[in-house]
Amino acid sequence: MSISSYLLLAVMLSGVLLTAGAARGDEKNHAITGVVCDAAGKPVAGAEVSLIRPESGGRLDQRGRFEVYHTAPQTQCDGEGRFTFEPTEGTFSLLAQGPAGYAVVTSEAFRRDARITLHAWGRVEGTFHQAGKAMAKARFDLRGSWSAMPRGAPFILFNAHTLADEQGRFVFDQVAEGALYLTYFAPTMFIVNDVHHGETVTWRIADVKPDQTLTLALGNTGRPVVGRIAPPSPGHVPADFDMSHVAGLFSVEPDYSLAEWPETCDEMSMEQQAAWLKSTEGADWQRRWREASNGPWSAGFCVHPDGTFRVEGVPPGRYRVRSGRSGSRPRAPRRSGRCRRWGSCRCS
């Protein structure tokens, strides 16, 4: 073999080694490069990729836009689905999203395979009727954590919102896989200090599957519940206090029997308990505890000046009712948006 052939072979081998090291992103002097593909293995042009540190996190909406809680580098794939970040030390996660789907991979997984395969979006559609009337032009929010999140990845919340049409029909076209919560906000809803006030209804819906449509028909069930809220004592609030500044929540009584704290954890130190919560078993317990705490159905309600309230469409079951002084109404003196709890009761 000639000297020129040896030189050519050496250059080719060095190029292969450099590309492999750069794709893995395992050396501080090498850029982080990879490619984003769809489920069929086809490169996805224009997909957006974010590099997220372990201490960070963020939320993804139904249009595939990612908002990070801390600064995170972001880039867009070229025509062949390739992306590049500056050299980065330490652990990280990569979030890729686009019309074809979304995916999150940890740096550990990325070092083994620099190809990121997107999970297809799911779809949610439905209608909501209350007291026999379609809730036209109402706002609906869809939120939850992903079931497809790999262990070690930062917390990322799916959070989307939309408005129903004249027939009360709502549609979410790009929905991440997992168990989600859907919330209806009455048109009279207002916000003070980032806290929602007014009538709401929240449902825990079935898992959304990739490339499938989940159709919901909500409302027109249950019966109305009426009641009256009173301060715990005459001197607890000013004599001229407007009871319409009170907010309430009607929620299903939690069943913590499905998420009991393991007896073995009582014998652990705080450090051991923290380590257990990060394990597969601990993560599963936290999921069951959150589901028990949130419940399958809840309704927020407003209180009239005389202290009375009405909640429509309450399904049969055992409930917990909580109330407290909330933030002020529009044009009223500004107060804290946090609810100061007065008390609670249970009913069936």
Protein backbone atom coordinates (compact mmCIF):
# COMPACT_ATOMS: atom_id res chain seq x y z
CA MET A 1 0.00 0.00 0.00
CA SER A 2 1.35 3.44 -0.90
CA ILE A 3 2.11 6.20 1.60
CA SER A 4 -0.77 8.29 0.21
CA SER A 5 -3.17 5.38 0.83
CA TYR A 6 -1.98 5.06 4.43
CA LEU A 7 -2.52 8.79 4.95
CA LEU A 8 -6.00 8.63 3.44
CA LEU A 9 -6.94 5.66 5.66
CA ALA A 10 -5.62 7.45 8.76
CA VAL A 11 -7.67 10.54 7.96
CA MET A 12 -10.81 8.45 7.41
CA LEU A 13 -10.34 6.55 10.71
CA SER A 14 -9.74 9.74 12.66
CA GLY A 15 -12.91 11.22 11.14
CA VAL A 16 -14.93 8.17 12.24
CA LEU A 17 -13.57 8.34 15.79
CA LEU A 18 -14.22 12.07 16.02
CA THR A 19 -17.80 11.68 14.80
CA ALA A 20 -18.48 8.89 17.28
CA GLY A 21 -17.08 10.87 20.20
CA ALA A 22 -19.03 13.99 19.20
CA ALA A 23 -22.28 12.08 18.81
CA ARG A 24 -21.94 10.55 22.26
CA GLY A 25 -21.21 13.93 23.78
CA ASP A 26 -18.99 12.22 26.37
CA GLU A 27 -15.94 14.50 26.07
CA LYS A 28 -15.88 18.11 27.17
CA ASN A 29 -14.00 19.15 24.03
CA HIS A 30 -16.52 17.63 21.64
CA ALA A 31 -19.80 19.15 20.57
CA ILE A 32 -23.02 17.26 21.32
CA THR A 33 -24.44 16.10 17.99
CA GLY A 34 -27.24 13.73 17.12
CA VAL A 35 -30.20 13.15 14.86
CA VAL A 36 -33.96 13.18 15.51
CA CYS A 37 -36.11 10.53 13.79
CA ASP A 38 -39.80 9.65 13.74
CA ALA A 39 -41.19 6.25 14.74
CA ALA A 40 -40.46 4.91 11.23
CA GLY A 41 -36.79 5.92 11.51
CA LYS A 42 -37.07 8.85 9.08
CA PRO A 43 -35.08 12.00 10.03
CA VAL A 44 -37.29 14.87 11.18
CA ALA A 45 -36.32 18.22 9.67
CA GLY A 46 -37.03 21.31 11.77
CA ALA A 47 -37.54 19.49 15.08
CA GLU A 48 -36.65 21.60 18.12
CA VAL A 49 -34.19 20.22 20.68
CA SER A 50 -33.53 21.58 24.20
CA LEU A 51 -30.61 20.69 26.47
CA ILE A 52 -31.88 20.50 30.06
CA ARG A 53 -29.82 20.28 33.22
CA PRO A 54 -30.91 17.94 36.09
CA GLU A 55 -31.84 20.88 38.35
CA SER A 56 -34.03 22.39 35.65
CA GLY A 57 -37.41 21.45 34.22
CA GLY A 58 -40.20 22.98 32.21
CA ARG A 59 -43.53 22.52 30.52
CA LEU A 60 -44.60 21.60 27.02
CA ASP A 61 -47.82 22.87 25.43
CA GLN A 62 -50.09 21.35 22.79
CA ARG A 63 -48.22 23.14 19.99
CA GLY A 64 -44.92 21.53 20.95
CA ARG A 65 -43.47 24.69 22.46
CA PHE A 66 -41.20 24.08 25.43
CA GLU A 67 -40.83 26.62 28.24
CA VAL A 68 -38.01 25.95 30.68
CA TYR A 69 -37.99 27.00 34.33
CA HIS A 70 -34.29 27.85 34.03
CA THR A 71 -32.19 28.88 31.06
CA ALA A 72 -31.64 26.00 28.64
CA PRO A 73 -29.90 26.00 25.24
CA GLN A 74 -32.25 25.28 22.35
CA THR A 75 -31.62 24.56 18.68
CA GLN A 76 -33.43 23.37 15.55
CA CYS A 77 -32.62 20.33 13.43
CA ASP A 78 -31.40 20.83 9.87
CA GLY A 79 -32.96 19.27 6.78
CA GLU A 80 -31.54 15.85 7.69
CA GLY A 81 -32.70 15.92 11.32
CA ARG A 82 -29.25 16.71 12.74
CA PHE A 83 -28.61 19.02 15.68
CA THR A 84 -25.55 20.29 17.53
CA PHE A 85 -24.86 21.83 20.94
CA GLU A 86 -21.68 23.31 22.34
CA PRO A 87 -19.49 20.96 24.44
CA THR A 88 -21.17 20.30 27.81
CA GLU A 89 -19.78 18.64 30.92
CA GLY A 90 -21.80 16.63 33.40
CA THR A 91 -25.23 15.04 33.04
CA PHE A 92 -28.09 16.47 31.04
CA SER A 93 -31.28 15.49 29.19
CA LEU A 94 -32.35 16.26 25.65
CA LEU A 95 -35.96 17.11 24.81
CA ALA A 96 -36.95 16.90 21.15
CA GLN A 97 -40.36 17.89 19.84
CA GLY A 98 -42.14 18.70 16.61
CA PRO A 99 -45.35 17.95 14.70
CA ALA A 100 -44.31 14.27 14.48
CA GLY A 101 -44.04 13.83 18.26
CA TYR A 102 -41.76 14.32 21.25
CA ALA A 103 -39.05 12.49 23.21
CA VAL A 104 -36.76 12.91 26.21
CA VAL A 105 -33.44 11.08 26.56
CA THR A 106 -30.85 11.28 29.32
CA SER A 107 -27.17 11.89 28.61
CA GLU A 108 -26.46 8.29 29.64
CA ALA A 109 -28.82 6.93 26.99
CA PHE A 110 -27.63 9.47 24.43
CA ARG A 111 -24.02 8.33 24.82
CA ARG A 112 -25.13 4.82 23.83
CA ASP A 113 -27.23 5.97 20.87
CA ALA A 114 -27.18 9.51 19.44
CA ARG A 115 -30.43 8.93 17.57
CA ILE A 116 -33.55 10.32 19.29
CA THR A 117 -36.79 8.62 18.25
CA LEU A 118 -39.96 10.66 18.72
CA HIS A 119 -43.09 9.30 20.43
CA ALA A 120 -46.18 10.10 18.38
CA TRP A 121 -48.59 12.60 19.88
CA GLY A 122 -52.00 11.52 21.10
CA ARG A 123 -55.23 13.48 20.63
CA VAL A 124 -58.06 14.42 23.02
CA GLU A 125 -61.49 15.67 21.97
CA GLY A 126 -64.84 15.92 23.70
CA THR A 127 -67.86 17.90 24.82
CA PHE A 128 -69.05 19.19 28.19
CA HIS A 129 -72.69 19.84 29.14
CA GLN A 130 -73.86 21.33 32.40
CA ALA A 131 -77.52 21.40 33.45
CA GLY A 132 -78.36 20.20 29.92
CA LYS A 133 -76.52 23.08 28.24
CA ALA A 134 -73.36 22.91 26.15
CA MET A 135 -70.54 24.98 27.62
CA ALA A 136 -69.78 27.02 24.48
CA LYS A 137 -66.61 29.14 24.30
CA ALA A 138 -65.44 27.82 27.69
CA ARG A 139 -61.76 27.39 28.45
CA PHE A 140 -60.33 23.91 29.04
CA ASP A 141 -56.87 23.11 30.41
CA LEU A 142 -55.07 19.78 30.03
CA ARG A 143 -52.12 19.05 32.30
CA GLY A 144 -50.11 16.18 33.71
CA SER A 145 -46.73 14.47 33.76
CA TRP A 146 -45.54 12.09 31.07
CA SER A 147 -45.58 8.35 31.56
CA ALA A 148 -42.84 8.04 28.91
CA MET A 149 -40.29 10.00 30.94
CA PRO A 150 -37.02 8.07 31.46
CA ARG A 151 -35.60 7.70 34.96
CA GLY A 152 -33.14 10.45 35.79
CA ALA A 153 -34.79 13.01 33.50
CA PRO A 154 -35.91 16.38 34.92
CA PHE A 155 -39.57 16.98 35.70
CA ILE A 156 -41.46 18.17 32.64
CA LEU A 157 -45.14 19.06 32.80
CA PHE A 158 -47.52 18.88 29.87
CA ASN A 159 -49.77 21.95 30.04
CA ALA A 160 -52.16 22.95 27.25
CA HIS A 161 -55.32 25.00 26.95
CA THR A 162 -58.03 25.58 24.35
CA LEU A 163 -61.50 27.12 23.92
CA ALA A 164 -64.62 25.11 23.13
CA ASP A 165 -66.66 25.97 20.03
CA GLU A 166 -70.34 26.97 19.93
CA GLN A 167 -71.40 23.34 20.49
CA GLY A 168 -69.15 22.99 23.54
CA ARG A 169 -66.66 20.79 21.63
CA PHE A 170 -62.97 21.05 22.54
CA VAL A 171 -59.92 19.53 20.83
CA PHE A 172 -56.27 19.04 21.84
CA ASP A 173 -54.33 17.90 18.77
CA GLN A 174 -50.87 17.27 20.25
CA VAL A 175 -51.02 15.54 23.64
CA ALA A 176 -48.19 13.78 25.47
CA GLU A 177 -48.70 10.17 26.53
CA GLY A 178 -49.78 9.64 30.13
CA ALA A 179 -52.52 10.19 32.72
CA LEU A 180 -53.79 13.76 32.52
CA TYR A 181 -56.21 16.11 34.25
CA LEU A 182 -58.76 18.14 32.29
CA THR A 183 -60.16 21.33 33.86
CA TYR A 184 -63.14 23.41 32.77
CA PHE A 185 -63.10 27.13 33.64
CA ALA A 186 -66.39 29.02 33.71
CA PRO A 187 -66.52 32.21 31.57
CA THR A 188 -66.80 34.26 34.81
CA MET A 189 -63.42 32.96 36.00
CA PHE A 190 -60.91 35.62 37.03
CA ILE A 191 -57.31 35.53 38.26
CA VAL A 192 -55.79 37.39 41.20
CA ASN A 193 -52.09 36.96 42.06
CA ASP A 194 -51.86 33.91 39.73
CA VAL A 195 -54.74 32.18 41.57
CA HIS A 196 -57.94 31.19 39.70
CA HIS A 197 -61.25 32.17 41.28
CA GLY A 198 -64.66 31.03 40.14
CA GLU A 199 -66.36 27.87 38.98
CA THR A 200 -64.15 25.00 37.79
CA VAL A 201 -64.55 21.27 37.20
CA THR A 202 -61.57 18.89 36.98
CA TRP A 203 -61.57 15.29 35.75
CA ARG A 204 -58.78 12.71 35.81
CA ILE A 205 -58.97 11.15 32.36
CA ALA A 206 -57.72 7.84 31.02
CA ASP A 207 -54.17 7.46 29.74
CA VAL A 208 -53.63 9.11 26.39
CA LYS A 209 -51.97 6.74 23.92
CA PRO A 210 -49.61 7.69 21.07
CA ASP A 211 -51.23 8.16 17.67
CA GLN A 212 -54.73 7.58 19.12
CA THR A 213 -57.74 9.82 19.83
CA LEU A 214 -59.44 9.83 23.23
CA THR A 215 -63.08 11.00 22.96
CA LEU A 216 -64.83 12.33 26.08
CA ALA A 217 -68.52 13.08 26.75
CA LEU A 218 -68.57 15.00 30.03
CA GLY A 219 -71.41 16.38 32.12
CA ASN A 220 -75.15 15.67 32.24
CA THR A 221 -74.56 13.29 35.17
CA GLY A 222 -74.88 13.54 38.93
CA ARG A 223 -77.02 16.06 40.77
CA PRO A 224 -76.67 19.62 42.08
CA VAL A 225 -75.45 20.17 45.63
CA VAL A 226 -76.35 23.35 47.54
CA GLY A 227 -75.05 24.60 50.85
CA ARG A 228 -74.02 27.60 52.91
CA ILE A 229 -70.60 28.69 54.18
CA ALA A 230 -70.26 30.57 57.48
CA PRO A 231 -67.15 31.93 59.24
CA PRO A 232 -66.01 29.80 62.22
CA SER A 233 -66.65 32.64 64.68
CA PRO A 234 -68.17 36.17 64.59
CA GLY A 235 -64.82 37.84 65.24
CA HIS A 236 -62.89 35.83 62.65
CA VAL A 237 -63.60 38.34 59.86
CA PRO A 238 -64.79 41.98 59.79
CA ALA A 239 -68.51 42.50 60.22
CA ASP A 240 -68.82 43.97 56.72
CA PHE A 241 -66.81 41.18 55.05
CA ASP A 242 -68.24 40.16 51.66
CA MET A 243 -68.75 36.39 51.58
CA SER A 244 -68.33 36.49 47.80
CA HIS A 245 -64.59 36.74 48.58
CA VAL A 246 -64.73 33.12 49.74
CA ALA A 247 -63.65 30.25 47.48
CA GLY A 248 -64.53 26.58 47.88
CA LEU A 249 -63.48 23.19 46.57
CA PHE A 250 -65.70 20.11 46.34
CA SER A 251 -63.52 17.01 45.83
CA VAL A 252 -63.74 13.23 46.07
CA GLU A 253 -62.62 11.87 49.44
CA PRO A 254 -59.05 10.54 48.92
CA ASP A 255 -58.52 6.79 49.23
CA TYR A 256 -55.00 6.49 50.61
CA SER A 257 -55.36 2.74 51.12
CA LEU A 258 -53.96 2.37 47.60
CA ALA A 259 -50.85 4.35 48.56
CA GLU A 260 -50.03 3.43 52.14
CA TRP A 261 -46.57 4.37 53.40
CA PRO A 262 -44.51 1.14 53.55
CA GLU A 263 -43.76 0.04 57.12
CA THR A 264 -40.17 -0.71 56.18
CA CYS A 265 -39.63 2.99 55.44
CA ASP A 266 -40.40 3.91 59.06
CA GLU A 267 -37.14 2.25 60.08
CA MET A 268 -35.11 4.14 57.48
CA SER A 269 -33.14 7.33 58.04
CA MET A 270 -34.09 10.49 56.17
CA GLU A 271 -31.30 9.86 53.67
CA GLN A 272 -32.46 6.27 53.11
CA GLN A 273 -36.05 7.39 52.59
CA ALA A 274 -34.91 9.99 50.06
CA ALA A 275 -32.97 7.31 48.18
CA TRP A 276 -35.97 4.95 48.27
CA LEU A 277 -38.25 7.62 46.80
CA LYS A 278 -35.91 7.82 43.81
CA SER A 279 -36.09 4.05 43.24
CA THR A 280 -38.59 2.38 40.88
CA GLU A 281 -40.69 1.23 43.84
CA GLY A 282 -40.59 4.69 45.43
CA ALA A 283 -41.53 6.43 42.18
CA ASP A 284 -44.51 4.08 41.80
CA TRP A 285 -45.64 4.88 45.36
CA GLN A 286 -45.43 8.61 44.65
CA ARG A 287 -47.56 8.18 41.52
CA ARG A 288 -50.25 6.27 43.46
CA TRP A 289 -50.16 8.85 46.27
CA ARG A 290 -50.64 11.74 43.81
CA GLU A 291 -53.55 9.96 42.16
CA ALA A 292 -55.17 9.34 45.56
CA SER A 293 -54.63 12.97 46.60
CA ASN A 294 -55.96 14.53 43.40
CA GLY A 295 -58.92 12.20 42.99
CA PRO A 296 -60.92 11.50 39.82
CA TRP A 297 -63.21 14.56 40.10
CA SER A 298 -63.34 17.94 41.81
CA ALA A 299 -65.19 21.24 41.44
CA GLY A 300 -64.25 24.73 42.54
CA PHE A 301 -67.16 27.01 43.38
CA CYS A 302 -67.95 30.64 44.15
CA VAL A 303 -69.84 31.73 47.25
CA HIS A 304 -72.69 34.27 47.08
CA PRO A 305 -72.75 37.30 49.41
CA ASP A 306 -75.14 35.46 51.77
CA GLY A 307 -72.72 32.49 52.00
CA THR A 308 -74.70 30.08 49.82
CA PHE A 309 -73.20 28.05 46.99
CA ARG A 310 -74.30 25.57 44.34
CA VAL A 311 -72.26 22.86 42.61
CA GLU A 312 -73.74 21.27 39.48
CA GLY A 313 -73.42 17.68 38.31
CA VAL A 314 -71.89 16.04 41.38
CA PRO A 315 -71.48 12.27 40.80
CA PRO A 316 -72.50 9.87 43.61
CA GLY A 317 -69.77 9.30 46.20
CA ARG A 318 -68.07 10.58 49.34
CA TYR A 319 -66.71 14.12 49.20
CA ARG A 320 -64.59 16.61 51.09
CA VAL A 321 -65.68 20.26 51.05
CA ARG A 322 -63.12 22.97 51.82
CA SER A 323 -63.51 26.72 51.90
CA GLY A 324 -61.53 29.79 52.81
CA ARG A 325 -61.01 33.44 52.16
CA SER A 326 -59.55 33.99 48.69
CA GLY A 327 -58.09 36.89 46.76
CA SER A 328 -60.22 39.94 46.03
CA ARG A 329 -62.50 40.34 43.06
CA PRO A 330 -61.62 42.73 40.23
CA ARG A 331 -61.50 46.42 41.21
CA ALA A 332 -61.60 45.48 44.88
CA PRO A 333 -58.62 46.21 47.19
CA ARG A 334 -55.73 43.90 46.30
CA ARG A 335 -55.12 41.10 48.80
CA SER A 336 -53.07 37.97 48.95
CA GLY A 337 -54.03 35.44 46.29
CA ARG A 338 -53.41 32.54 48.64
CA CYS A 339 -56.47 30.99 50.20
CA ARG A 340 -56.59 31.21 54.00
CA ARG A 341 -58.39 28.04 54.92
CA TRP A 342 -61.32 28.24 57.33
CA GLY A 343 -62.19 24.59 57.55
CA SER A 344 -63.60 21.54 55.84
CA CYS A 345 -66.33 18.94 56.14
CA ARG A 346 -67.25 15.61 54.58
CA CYS A 347 -70.48 14.53 52.93
CA SER A 348 -71.96 11.67 50.91
